[in-house]
Amino acid sequence: MTAYIVFERDTTEDQQALDRYAAHADGTFEGHPVTALVDYGPHEVLEGPPIEGVVVLQFPDRESAKKWYFSDAYQKVAQDRFRGATYRAVLVDGVAAQA
């Protein structure tokens, strides 16, 4: 079943660290079946506190999503994301297609 990783950026702490992350994050997708569906496009918070941005990545299944997220390549790059901002990352399954 299709799975998604949703990143929600709450607050920026270090813009230079986020810039380094942004410069290298896409390179971690190589060899992984990932499609970026949302990449910090315009958003409107309908409930809850304000956020700065959202990214939604699509994978064929949970295993593929976790393989990318926990890969050495991504975890190395993610250190700048951790230093740069407060994020929430959620892995969620899609809905099975109905016949």
PDB file of N, CA and C in Angstrom:
ATOM      1  N   MET A   1       0.835  -1.169   0.000  1.00  0.00           N
ATOM      2  CA  MET A   1       0.000   0.000   0.000  1.00  0.00           C
ATOM      3  C   MET A   1       0.889   1.244   0.000  1.00  0.00           C
ATOM      4  N   THR A   2       0.511   2.240  -0.757  1.00  0.00           N
ATOM      5  CA  THR A   2       1.267   3.485  -0.831  1.00  0.00           C
ATOM      6  C   THR A   2       1.419   4.090   0.564  1.00  0.00           C
ATOM      7  N   ALA A   3       2.603   4.648   0.814  1.00  0.00           N
ATOM      8  CA  ALA A   3       2.879   5.297   2.089  1.00  0.00           C
ATOM      9  C   ALA A   3       3.437   6.687   1.823  1.00  0.00           C
ATOM     10  N   TYR A   4       3.264   7.545   2.804  1.00  0.00           N
ATOM     11  CA  TYR A   4       3.697   8.933   2.684  1.00  0.00           C
ATOM     12  C   TYR A   4       4.476   9.332   3.920  1.00  0.00           C
ATOM     13  N   ILE A   5       5.508  10.136   3.712  1.00  0.00           N
ATOM     14  CA  ILE A   5       6.158  10.813   4.829  1.00  0.00           C
ATOM     15  C   ILE A   5       5.788  12.279   4.696  1.00  0.00           C
ATOM     16  N   VAL A   6       5.206  12.812   5.771  1.00  0.00           N
ATOM     17  CA  VAL A   6       4.789  14.208   5.809  1.00  0.00           C
ATOM     18  C   VAL A   6       5.709  14.939   6.784  1.00  0.00           C
ATOM     19  N   PHE A   7       6.392  15.947   6.277  1.00  0.00           N
ATOM     20  CA  PHE A   7       7.247  16.795   7.114  1.00  0.00           C
ATOM     21  C   PHE A   7       6.533  18.123   7.314  1.00  0.00           C
ATOM     22  N   GLU A   8       6.448  18.547   8.554  1.00  0.00           N
ATOM     23  CA  GLU A   8       5.851  19.839   8.883  1.00  0.00           C
ATOM     24  C   GLU A   8       6.906  20.652   9.628  1.00  0.00           C
ATOM     25  N   ARG A   9       7.272  21.800   9.054  1.00  0.00           N
ATOM     26  CA  ARG A   9       8.268  22.647   9.726  1.00  0.00           C
ATOM     27  C   ARG A   9       7.530  23.657  10.584  1.00  0.00           C
ATOM     28  N   ASP A  10       7.825  23.630  11.876  1.00  0.00           N
ATOM     29  CA  ASP A  10       7.166  24.526  12.812  1.00  0.00           C
ATOM     30  C   ASP A  10       7.899  25.862  12.929  1.00  0.00           C
ATOM     31  N   THR A  11       9.186  25.827  13.249  1.00  0.00           N
ATOM     32  CA  THR A  11       9.961  27.051  13.426  1.00  0.00           C
ATOM     33  C   THR A  11      11.390  26.858  12.943  1.00  0.00           C
ATOM     34  N   THR A  12      11.949  27.885  12.371  1.00  0.00           N
ATOM     35  CA  THR A  12      13.339  27.877  11.914  1.00  0.00           C
ATOM     36  C   THR A  12      14.237  28.387  13.034  1.00  0.00           C
ATOM     37  N   GLU A  13      15.340  27.660  13.259  1.00  0.00           N
ATOM     38  CA  GLU A  13      16.308  28.041  14.287  1.00  0.00           C
ATOM     39  C   GLU A  13      17.623  28.517  13.670  1.00  0.00           C
ATOM     40  N   ASP A  14      18.022  27.905  12.544  1.00  0.00           N
ATOM     41  CA  ASP A  14      19.311  28.203  11.917  1.00  0.00           C
ATOM     42  C   ASP A  14      19.143  28.084  10.401  1.00  0.00           C
ATOM     43  N   GLN A  15      18.970  29.222   9.729  1.00  0.00           N
ATOM     44  CA  GLN A  15      18.709  29.210   8.294  1.00  0.00           C
ATOM     45  C   GLN A  15      19.876  28.631   7.497  1.00  0.00           C
ATOM     46  N   GLN A  16      21.101  28.871   7.932  1.00  0.00           N
ATOM     47  CA  GLN A  16      22.254  28.321   7.209  1.00  0.00           C
ATOM     48  C   GLN A  16      22.235  26.795   7.225  1.00  0.00           C
ATOM     49  N   ALA A  17      21.870  26.202   8.351  1.00  0.00           N
ATOM     50  CA  ALA A  17      21.770  24.740   8.435  1.00  0.00           C
ATOM     51  C   ALA A  17      20.672  24.244   7.508  1.00  0.00           C
ATOM     52  N   LEU A  18      19.537  24.933   7.461  1.00  0.00           N
ATOM     53  CA  LEU A  18      18.456  24.534   6.550  1.00  0.00           C
ATOM     54  C   LEU A  18      18.870  24.672   5.088  1.00  0.00           C
ATOM     55  N   ASP A  19      19.645  25.697   4.781  1.00  0.00           N
ATOM     56  CA  ASP A  19      20.137  25.866   3.409  1.00  0.00           C
ATOM     57  C   ASP A  19      21.047  24.709   3.015  1.00  0.00           C
ATOM     58  N   ARG A  20      21.911  24.264   3.927  1.00  0.00           N
ATOM     59  CA  ARG A  20      22.768  23.103   3.644  1.00  0.00           C
ATOM     60  C   ARG A  20      21.917  21.863   3.432  1.00  0.00           C
ATOM     61  N   TYR A  21      20.903  21.679   4.275  1.00  0.00           N
ATOM     62  CA  TYR A  21      19.989  20.542   4.133  1.00  0.00           C
ATOM     63  C   TYR A  21      19.314  20.574   2.769  1.00  0.00           C
ATOM     64  N   ALA A  22      18.769  21.715   2.398  1.00  0.00           N
ATOM     65  CA  ALA A  22      18.059  21.850   1.121  1.00  0.00           C
ATOM     66  C   ALA A  22      18.979  21.558  -0.065  1.00  0.00           C
ATOM     67  N   ALA A  23      20.232  21.927   0.057  1.00  0.00           N
ATOM     68  CA  ALA A  23      21.182  21.717  -1.036  1.00  0.00           C
ATOM     69  C   ALA A  23      21.518  20.244  -1.246  1.00  0.00           C
ATOM     70  N   HIS A  24      21.321  19.419  -0.224  1.00  0.00           N
ATOM     71  CA  HIS A  24      21.752  18.019  -0.318  1.00  0.00           C
ATOM     72  C   HIS A  24      20.638  16.981  -0.180  1.00  0.00           C
ATOM     73  N   ALA A  25      19.468  17.374   0.283  1.00  0.00           N
ATOM     74  CA  ALA A  25      18.410  16.395   0.565  1.00  0.00           C
ATOM     75  C   ALA A  25      17.980  15.621  -0.674  1.00  0.00           C
ATOM     76  N   ASP A  26      17.792  16.300  -1.806  1.00  0.00           N
ATOM     77  CA  ASP A  26      17.330  15.603  -3.013  1.00  0.00           C
ATOM     78  C   ASP A  26      18.309  14.517  -3.460  1.00  0.00           C
ATOM     79  N   GLY A  27      19.579  14.701  -3.199  1.00  0.00           N
ATOM     80  CA  GLY A  27      20.580  13.700  -3.567  1.00  0.00           C
ATOM     81  C   GLY A  27      20.390  12.385  -2.836  1.00  0.00           C
ATOM     82  N   THR A  28      19.689  12.409  -1.705  1.00  0.00           N
ATOM     83  CA  THR A  28      19.464  11.172  -0.946  1.00  0.00           C
ATOM     84  C   THR A  28      18.360  10.314  -1.549  1.00  0.00           C
ATOM     85  N   PHE A  29      17.621  10.859  -2.520  1.00  0.00           N
ATOM     86  CA  PHE A  29      16.541  10.111  -3.169  1.00  0.00           C
ATOM     87  C   PHE A  29      17.056   9.080  -4.166  1.00  0.00           C
ATOM     88  N   GLU A  30      18.296   9.241  -4.609  1.00  0.00           N
ATOM     89  CA  GLU A  30      18.846   8.343  -5.631  1.00  0.00           C
ATOM     90  C   GLU A  30      18.744   6.883  -5.183  1.00  0.00           C
ATOM     91  N   GLY A  31      18.145   6.070  -6.043  1.00  0.00           N
ATOM     92  CA  GLY A  31      17.988   4.654  -5.748  1.00  0.00           C
ATOM     93  C   GLY A  31      16.764   4.330  -4.919  1.00  0.00           C
ATOM     94  N   HIS A  32      15.965   5.341  -4.601  1.00  0.00           N
ATOM     95  CA  HIS A  32      14.757   5.138  -3.799  1.00  0.00           C
ATOM     96  C   HIS A  32      13.533   5.535  -4.620  1.00  0.00           C
ATOM     97  N   PRO A  33      12.447   4.764  -4.536  1.00  0.00           N
ATOM     98  CA  PRO A  33      11.234   5.066  -5.299  1.00  0.00           C
ATOM     99  C   PRO A  33      10.382   6.123  -4.587  1.00  0.00           C
ATOM    100  N   VAL A  34      10.761   7.378  -4.730  1.00  0.00           N
ATOM    101  CA  VAL A  34      10.095   8.470  -4.017  1.00  0.00           C
ATOM    102  C   VAL A  34       9.612   9.517  -5.008  1.00  0.00           C
ATOM    103  N   THR A  35       8.450  10.068  -4.724  1.00  0.00           N
ATOM    104  CA  THR A  35       7.894  11.171  -5.506  1.00  0.00           C
ATOM    105  C   THR A  35       7.517  12.276  -4.532  1.00  0.00           C
ATOM    106  N   ALA A  36       8.020  13.480  -4.784  1.00  0.00           N
ATOM    107  CA  ALA A  36       7.641  14.624  -3.964  1.00  0.00           C
ATOM    108  C   ALA A  36       6.300  15.149  -4.471  1.00  0.00           C
ATOM    109  N   LEU A  37       5.284  15.098  -3.630  1.00  0.00           N
ATOM    110  CA  LEU A  37       3.954  15.576  -3.994  1.00  0.00           C
ATOM    111  C   LEU A  37       3.731  17.022  -3.570  1.00  0.00           C
ATOM    112  N   VAL A  38       4.348  17.404  -2.458  1.00  0.00           N
ATOM    113  CA  VAL A  38       4.252  18.767  -1.929  1.00  0.00           C
ATOM    114  C   VAL A  38       5.649  19.158  -1.483  1.00  0.00           C
ATOM    115  N   ASP A  39       6.070  20.374  -1.845  1.00  0.00           N
ATOM    116  CA  ASP A  39       7.408  20.826  -1.480  1.00  0.00           C
ATOM    117  C   ASP A  39       7.374  22.312  -1.123  1.00  0.00           C
ATOM    118  N   TYR A  40       6.910  22.597   0.079  1.00  0.00           N
ATOM    119  CA  TYR A  40       6.828  23.960   0.607  1.00  0.00           C
ATOM    120  C   TYR A  40       5.999  24.895  -0.263  1.00  0.00           C
ATOM    121  N   GLY A  41       4.952  24.386  -0.882  1.00  0.00           N
ATOM    122  CA  GLY A  41       4.045  25.243  -1.635  1.00  0.00           C
ATOM    123  C   GLY A  41       3.200  26.089  -0.691  1.00  0.00           C
ATOM    124  N   PRO A  42       2.407  26.975  -1.267  1.00  0.00           N
ATOM    125  CA  PRO A  42       1.511  27.783  -0.423  1.00  0.00           C
ATOM    126  C   PRO A  42       0.621  26.876   0.426  1.00  0.00           C
ATOM    127  N   HIS A  43       0.400  27.259   1.651  1.00  0.00           N
ATOM    128  CA  HIS A  43      -0.436  26.459   2.539  1.00  0.00           C
ATOM    129  C   HIS A  43      -1.291  27.379   3.408  1.00  0.00           C
ATOM    130  N   GLU A  44      -2.326  26.806   3.969  1.00  0.00           N
ATOM    131  CA  GLU A  44      -3.217  27.525   4.867  1.00  0.00           C
ATOM    132  C   GLU A  44      -3.524  26.603   6.041  1.00  0.00           C
ATOM    133  N   VAL A  45      -3.189  27.036   7.233  1.00  0.00           N
ATOM    134  CA  VAL A  45      -3.469  26.245   8.427  1.00  0.00           C
ATOM    135  C   VAL A  45      -4.950  26.415   8.772  1.00  0.00           C
ATOM    136  N   LEU A  46      -5.674  25.316   8.781  1.00  0.00           N
ATOM    137  CA  LEU A  46      -7.094  25.355   9.107  1.00  0.00           C
ATOM    138  C   LEU A  46      -7.351  25.072  10.580  1.00  0.00           C
ATOM    139  N   GLU A  47      -6.446  24.342  11.219  1.00  0.00           N
ATOM    140  CA  GLU A  47      -6.543  24.045  12.650  1.00  0.00           C
ATOM    141  C   GLU A  47      -5.141  24.016  13.234  1.00  0.00           C
ATOM    142  N   GLY A  48      -5.030  24.393  14.474  1.00  0.00           N
ATOM    143  CA  GLY A  48      -3.756  24.303  15.172  1.00  0.00           C
ATOM    144  C   GLY A  48      -2.892  25.540  14.984  1.00  0.00           C
ATOM    145  N   PRO A  49      -1.702  25.491  15.579  1.00  0.00           N
ATOM    146  CA  PRO A  49      -0.802  26.644  15.526  1.00  0.00           C
ATOM    147  C   PRO A  49      -0.208  26.816  14.126  1.00  0.00           C
ATOM    148  N   PRO A  50       0.286  28.006  13.832  1.00  0.00           N
ATOM    149  CA  PRO A  50       0.892  28.259  12.523  1.00  0.00           C
ATOM    150  C   PRO A  50       2.107  27.357  12.282  1.00  0.00           C
ATOM    151  N   ILE A  51       2.355  27.058  11.025  1.00  0.00           N
ATOM    152  CA  ILE A  51       3.555  26.322  10.614  1.00  0.00           C
ATOM    153  C   ILE A  51       4.218  27.096   9.490  1.00  0.00           C
ATOM    154  N   GLU A  52       5.476  26.768   9.231  1.00  0.00           N
ATOM    155  CA  GLU A  52       6.219  27.453   8.175  1.00  0.00           C
ATOM    156  C   GLU A  52       6.132  26.741   6.832  1.00  0.00           C
ATOM    157  N   GLY A  53       5.942  25.428   6.833  1.00  0.00           N
ATOM    158  CA  GLY A  53       5.895  24.733   5.558  1.00  0.00           C
ATOM    159  C   GLY A  53       5.644  23.255   5.705  1.00  0.00           C
ATOM    160  N   VAL A  54       5.331  22.622   4.552  1.00  0.00           N
ATOM    161  CA  VAL A  54       4.993  21.203   4.512  1.00  0.00           C
ATOM    162  C   VAL A  54       5.660  20.552   3.292  1.00  0.00           C
ATOM    163  N   VAL A  55       6.136  19.337   3.490  1.00  0.00           N
ATOM    164  CA  VAL A  55       6.634  18.483   2.410  1.00  0.00           C
ATOM    165  C   VAL A  55       5.910  17.148   2.533  1.00  0.00           C
ATOM    166  N   VAL A  56       5.447  16.617   1.401  1.00  0.00           N
ATOM    167  CA  VAL A  56       4.818  15.299   1.380  1.00  0.00           C
ATOM    168  C   VAL A  56       5.545  14.454   0.341  1.00  0.00           C
ATOM    169  N   LEU A  57       6.110  13.337   0.797  1.00  0.00           N
ATOM    170  CA  LEU A  57       6.818  12.412  -0.081  1.00  0.00           C
ATOM    171  C   LEU A  57       6.016  11.126  -0.199  1.00  0.00           C
ATOM    172  N   GLN A  58       5.892  10.617  -1.414  1.00  0.00           N
ATOM    173  CA  GLN A  58       5.138   9.384  -1.667  1.00  0.00           C
ATOM    174  C   GLN A  58       6.098   8.241  -1.966  1.00  0.00           C
ATOM    175  N   PHE A  59       5.809   7.091  -1.367  1.00  0.00           N
ATOM    176  CA  PHE A  59       6.587   5.869  -1.566  1.00  0.00           C
ATOM    177  C   PHE A  59       5.626   4.734  -1.891  1.00  0.00           C
ATOM    178  N   PRO A  60       6.095   3.671  -2.533  1.00  0.00           N
ATOM    179  CA  PRO A  60       5.201   2.566  -2.857  1.00  0.00           C
ATOM    180  C   PRO A  60       4.663   1.834  -1.628  1.00  0.00           C
ATOM    181  N   ASP A  61       5.413   1.895  -0.521  1.00  0.00           N
ATOM    182  CA  ASP A  61       4.990   1.202   0.698  1.00  0.00           C
ATOM    183  C   ASP A  61       5.810   1.704   1.879  1.00  0.00           C
ATOM    184  N   ARG A  62       5.414   1.288   3.085  1.00  0.00           N
ATOM    185  CA  ARG A  62       6.101   1.715   4.309  1.00  0.00           C
ATOM    186  C   ARG A  62       7.568   1.311   4.316  1.00  0.00           C
ATOM    187  N   GLU A  63       7.824   0.099   3.869  1.00  0.00           N
ATOM    188  CA  GLU A  63       9.203  -0.399   3.870  1.00  0.00           C
ATOM    189  C   GLU A  63      10.108   0.516   3.049  1.00  0.00           C
ATOM    190  N   SER A  64       9.641   0.913   1.878  1.00  0.00           N
ATOM    191  CA  SER A  64      10.431   1.812   1.020  1.00  0.00           C
ATOM    192  C   SER A  64      10.648   3.164   1.690  1.00  0.00           C
ATOM    193  N   ALA A  65       9.602   3.673   2.332  1.00  0.00           N
ATOM    194  CA  ALA A  65       9.715   4.962   3.015  1.00  0.00           C
ATOM    195  C   ALA A  65      10.740   4.889   4.143  1.00  0.00           C
ATOM    196  N   LYS A  66      10.662   3.839   4.941  1.00  0.00           N
ATOM    197  CA  LYS A  66      11.598   3.693   6.049  1.00  0.00           C
ATOM    198  C   LYS A  66      13.019   3.438   5.553  1.00  0.00           C
ATOM    199  N   LYS A  67      13.149   2.712   4.469  1.00  0.00           N
ATOM    200  CA  LYS A  67      14.479   2.448   3.918  1.00  0.00           C
ATOM    201  C   LYS A  67      15.155   3.762   3.532  1.00  0.00           C
ATOM    202  N   TRP A  68      14.399   4.675   2.919  1.00  0.00           N
ATOM    203  CA  TRP A  68      14.969   5.979   2.571  1.00  0.00           C
ATOM    204  C   TRP A  68      15.245   6.790   3.844  1.00  0.00           C
ATOM    205  N   TYR A  69      14.234   6.927   4.712  1.00  0.00           N
ATOM    206  CA  TYR A  69      14.370   7.790   5.885  1.00  0.00           C
ATOM    207  C   TYR A  69      15.540   7.362   6.775  1.00  0.00           C
ATOM    208  N   PHE A  70      15.679   6.078   6.989  1.00  0.00           N
ATOM    209  CA  PHE A  70      16.734   5.585   7.877  1.00  0.00           C
ATOM    210  C   PHE A  70      18.046   5.279   7.158  1.00  0.00           C
ATOM    211  N   SER A  71      18.119   5.602   5.860  1.00  0.00           N
ATOM    212  CA  SER A  71      19.363   5.365   5.115  1.00  0.00           C
ATOM    213  C   SER A  71      20.478   6.234   5.691  1.00  0.00           C
ATOM    214  N   ASP A  72      21.701   5.739   5.570  1.00  0.00           N
ATOM    215  CA  ASP A  72      22.853   6.515   6.033  1.00  0.00           C
ATOM    216  C   ASP A  72      22.913   7.860   5.320  1.00  0.00           C
ATOM    217  N   ALA A  73      22.619   7.864   4.016  1.00  0.00           N
ATOM    218  CA  ALA A  73      22.698   9.105   3.232  1.00  0.00           C
ATOM    219  C   ALA A  73      21.731  10.151   3.769  1.00  0.00           C
ATOM    220  N   TYR A  74      20.473   9.757   4.009  1.00  0.00           N
ATOM    221  CA  TYR A  74      19.511  10.749   4.491  1.00  0.00           C
ATOM    222  C   TYR A  74      19.810  11.156   5.929  1.00  0.00           C
ATOM    223  N   GLN A  75      20.119  10.214   6.781  1.00  0.00           N
ATOM    224  CA  GLN A  75      20.381  10.554   8.179  1.00  0.00           C
ATOM    225  C   GLN A  75      21.558  11.511   8.317  1.00  0.00           C
ATOM    226  N   LYS A  76      22.553  11.379   7.452  1.00  0.00           N
ATOM    227  CA  LYS A  76      23.692  12.303   7.485  1.00  0.00           C
ATOM    228  C   LYS A  76      23.225  13.717   7.124  1.00  0.00           C
ATOM    229  N   VAL A  77      22.471  13.842   6.048  1.00  0.00           N
ATOM    230  CA  VAL A  77      21.964  15.143   5.601  1.00  0.00           C
ATOM    231  C   VAL A  77      20.960  15.707   6.605  1.00  0.00           C
ATOM    232  N   ALA A  78      20.145  14.849   7.198  1.00  0.00           N
ATOM    233  CA  ALA A  78      19.098  15.287   8.120  1.00  0.00           C
ATOM    234  C   ALA A  78      19.646  15.991   9.356  1.00  0.00           C
ATOM    235  N   GLN A  79      20.909  15.772   9.681  1.00  0.00           N
ATOM    236  CA  GLN A  79      21.483  16.446  10.848  1.00  0.00           C
ATOM    237  C   GLN A  79      21.362  17.962  10.719  1.00  0.00           C
ATOM    238  N   ASP A  80      21.514  18.477   9.492  1.00  0.00           N
ATOM    239  CA  ASP A  80      21.338  19.916   9.291  1.00  0.00           C
ATOM    240  C   ASP A  80      19.874  20.322   9.456  1.00  0.00           C
ATOM    241  N   ARG A  81      18.943  19.459   9.088  1.00  0.00           N
ATOM    242  CA  ARG A  81      17.525  19.756   9.299  1.00  0.00           C
ATOM    243  C   ARG A  81      17.226  19.801  10.798  1.00  0.00           C
ATOM    244  N   PHE A  82      17.778  18.850  11.534  1.00  0.00           N
ATOM    245  CA  PHE A  82      17.570  18.821  12.982  1.00  0.00           C
ATOM    246  C   PHE A  82      18.123  20.079  13.651  1.00  0.00           C
ATOM    247  N   ARG A  83      19.279  20.553  13.190  1.00  0.00           N
ATOM    248  CA  ARG A  83      19.878  21.767  13.739  1.00  0.00           C
ATOM    249  C   ARG A  83      19.140  23.018  13.276  1.00  0.00           C
ATOM    250  N   GLY A  84      18.579  22.948  12.079  1.00  0.00           N
ATOM    251  CA  GLY A  84      18.021  24.137  11.453  1.00  0.00           C
ATOM    252  C   GLY A  84      16.624  24.518  11.863  1.00  0.00           C
ATOM    253  N   ALA A  85      15.821  23.547  12.291  1.00  0.00           N
ATOM    254  CA  ALA A  85      14.422  23.872  12.560  1.00  0.00           C
ATOM    255  C   ALA A  85      13.771  22.795  13.418  1.00  0.00           C
ATOM    256  N   THR A  86      12.617  23.156  13.940  1.00  0.00           N
ATOM    257  CA  THR A  86      11.771  22.195  14.641  1.00  0.00           C
ATOM    258  C   THR A  86      10.789  21.640  13.619  1.00  0.00           C
ATOM    259  N   TYR A  87      10.820  20.336  13.441  1.00  0.00           N
ATOM    260  CA  TYR A  87       9.970  19.645  12.469  1.00  0.00           C
ATOM    261  C   TYR A  87       9.152  18.568  13.156  1.00  0.00           C
ATOM    262  N   ARG A  88       8.149  18.155  12.453  1.00  0.00           N
ATOM    263  CA  ARG A  88       7.404  16.937  12.780  1.00  0.00           C
ATOM    264  C   ARG A  88       7.463  16.096  11.512  1.00  0.00           C
ATOM    265  N   ALA A  89       7.765  14.821  11.633  1.00  0.00           N
ATOM    266  CA  ALA A  89       7.776  13.907  10.487  1.00  0.00           C
ATOM    267  C   ALA A  89       6.867  12.728  10.828  1.00  0.00           C
ATOM    268  N   VAL A  90       5.943  12.449   9.925  1.00  0.00           N
ATOM    269  CA  VAL A  90       4.957  11.400  10.145  1.00  0.00           C
ATOM    270  C   VAL A  90       4.937  10.463   8.960  1.00  0.00           C
ATOM    271  N   LEU A  91       4.962   9.163   9.232  1.00  0.00           N
ATOM    272  CA  LEU A  91       4.813   8.129   8.210  1.00  0.00           C
ATOM    273  C   LEU A  91       3.367   7.663   8.271  1.00  0.00           C
ATOM    274  N   VAL A  92       2.677   7.711   7.130  1.00  0.00           N
ATOM    275  CA  VAL A  92       1.270   7.364   7.113  1.00  0.00           C
ATOM    276  C   VAL A  92       0.960   6.541   5.867  1.00  0.00           C
ATOM    277  N   ASP A  93       0.113   5.523   6.043  1.00  0.00           N
ATOM    278  CA  ASP A  93      -0.324   4.707   4.912  1.00  0.00           C
ATOM    279  C   ASP A  93      -1.420   5.426   4.145  1.00  0.00           C
ATOM    280  N   GLY A  94      -1.418   5.215   2.832  1.00  0.00           N
ATOM    281  CA  GLY A  94      -2.507   5.716   2.003  1.00  0.00           C
ATOM    282  C   GLY A  94      -3.734   4.837   2.141  1.00  0.00           C
ATOM    283  N   VAL A  95      -4.768   5.191   1.429  1.00  0.00           N
ATOM    284  CA  VAL A  95      -6.013   4.453   1.443  1.00  0.00           C
ATOM    285  C   VAL A  95      -5.992   3.475   0.274  1.00  0.00           C
ATOM    286  N   ALA A  96      -6.400   2.245   0.531  1.00  0.00           N
ATOM    287  CA  ALA A  96      -6.427   1.233  -0.530  1.00  0.00           C
ATOM    288  C   ALA A  96      -7.410   1.663  -1.614  1.00  0.00           C
ATOM    289  N   ALA A  97      -7.010   1.443  -2.858  1.00  0.00           N
ATOM    290  CA  ALA A  97      -7.879   1.783  -3.989  1.00  0.00           C
ATOM    291  C   ALA A  97      -9.143   0.945  -3.946  1.00  0.00           C
ATOM    292  N   GLN A  98     -10.244   1.576  -4.244  1.00  0.00           N
ATOM    293  CA  GLN A  98     -11.532   0.847  -4.262  1.00  0.00           C
ATOM    294  C   GLN A  98     -11.862   0.441  -5.684  1.00  0.00           C
ATOM    295  N   ALA A  99     -12.431  -0.733  -5.818  1.00  0.00           N
ATOM    296  CA  ALA A  99     -12.761  -1.247  -7.153  1.00  0.00           C
ATOM    297  C   ALA A  99     -14.033  -0.632  -7.676  1.00  0.00           C
TER     298      ALA A  99
END
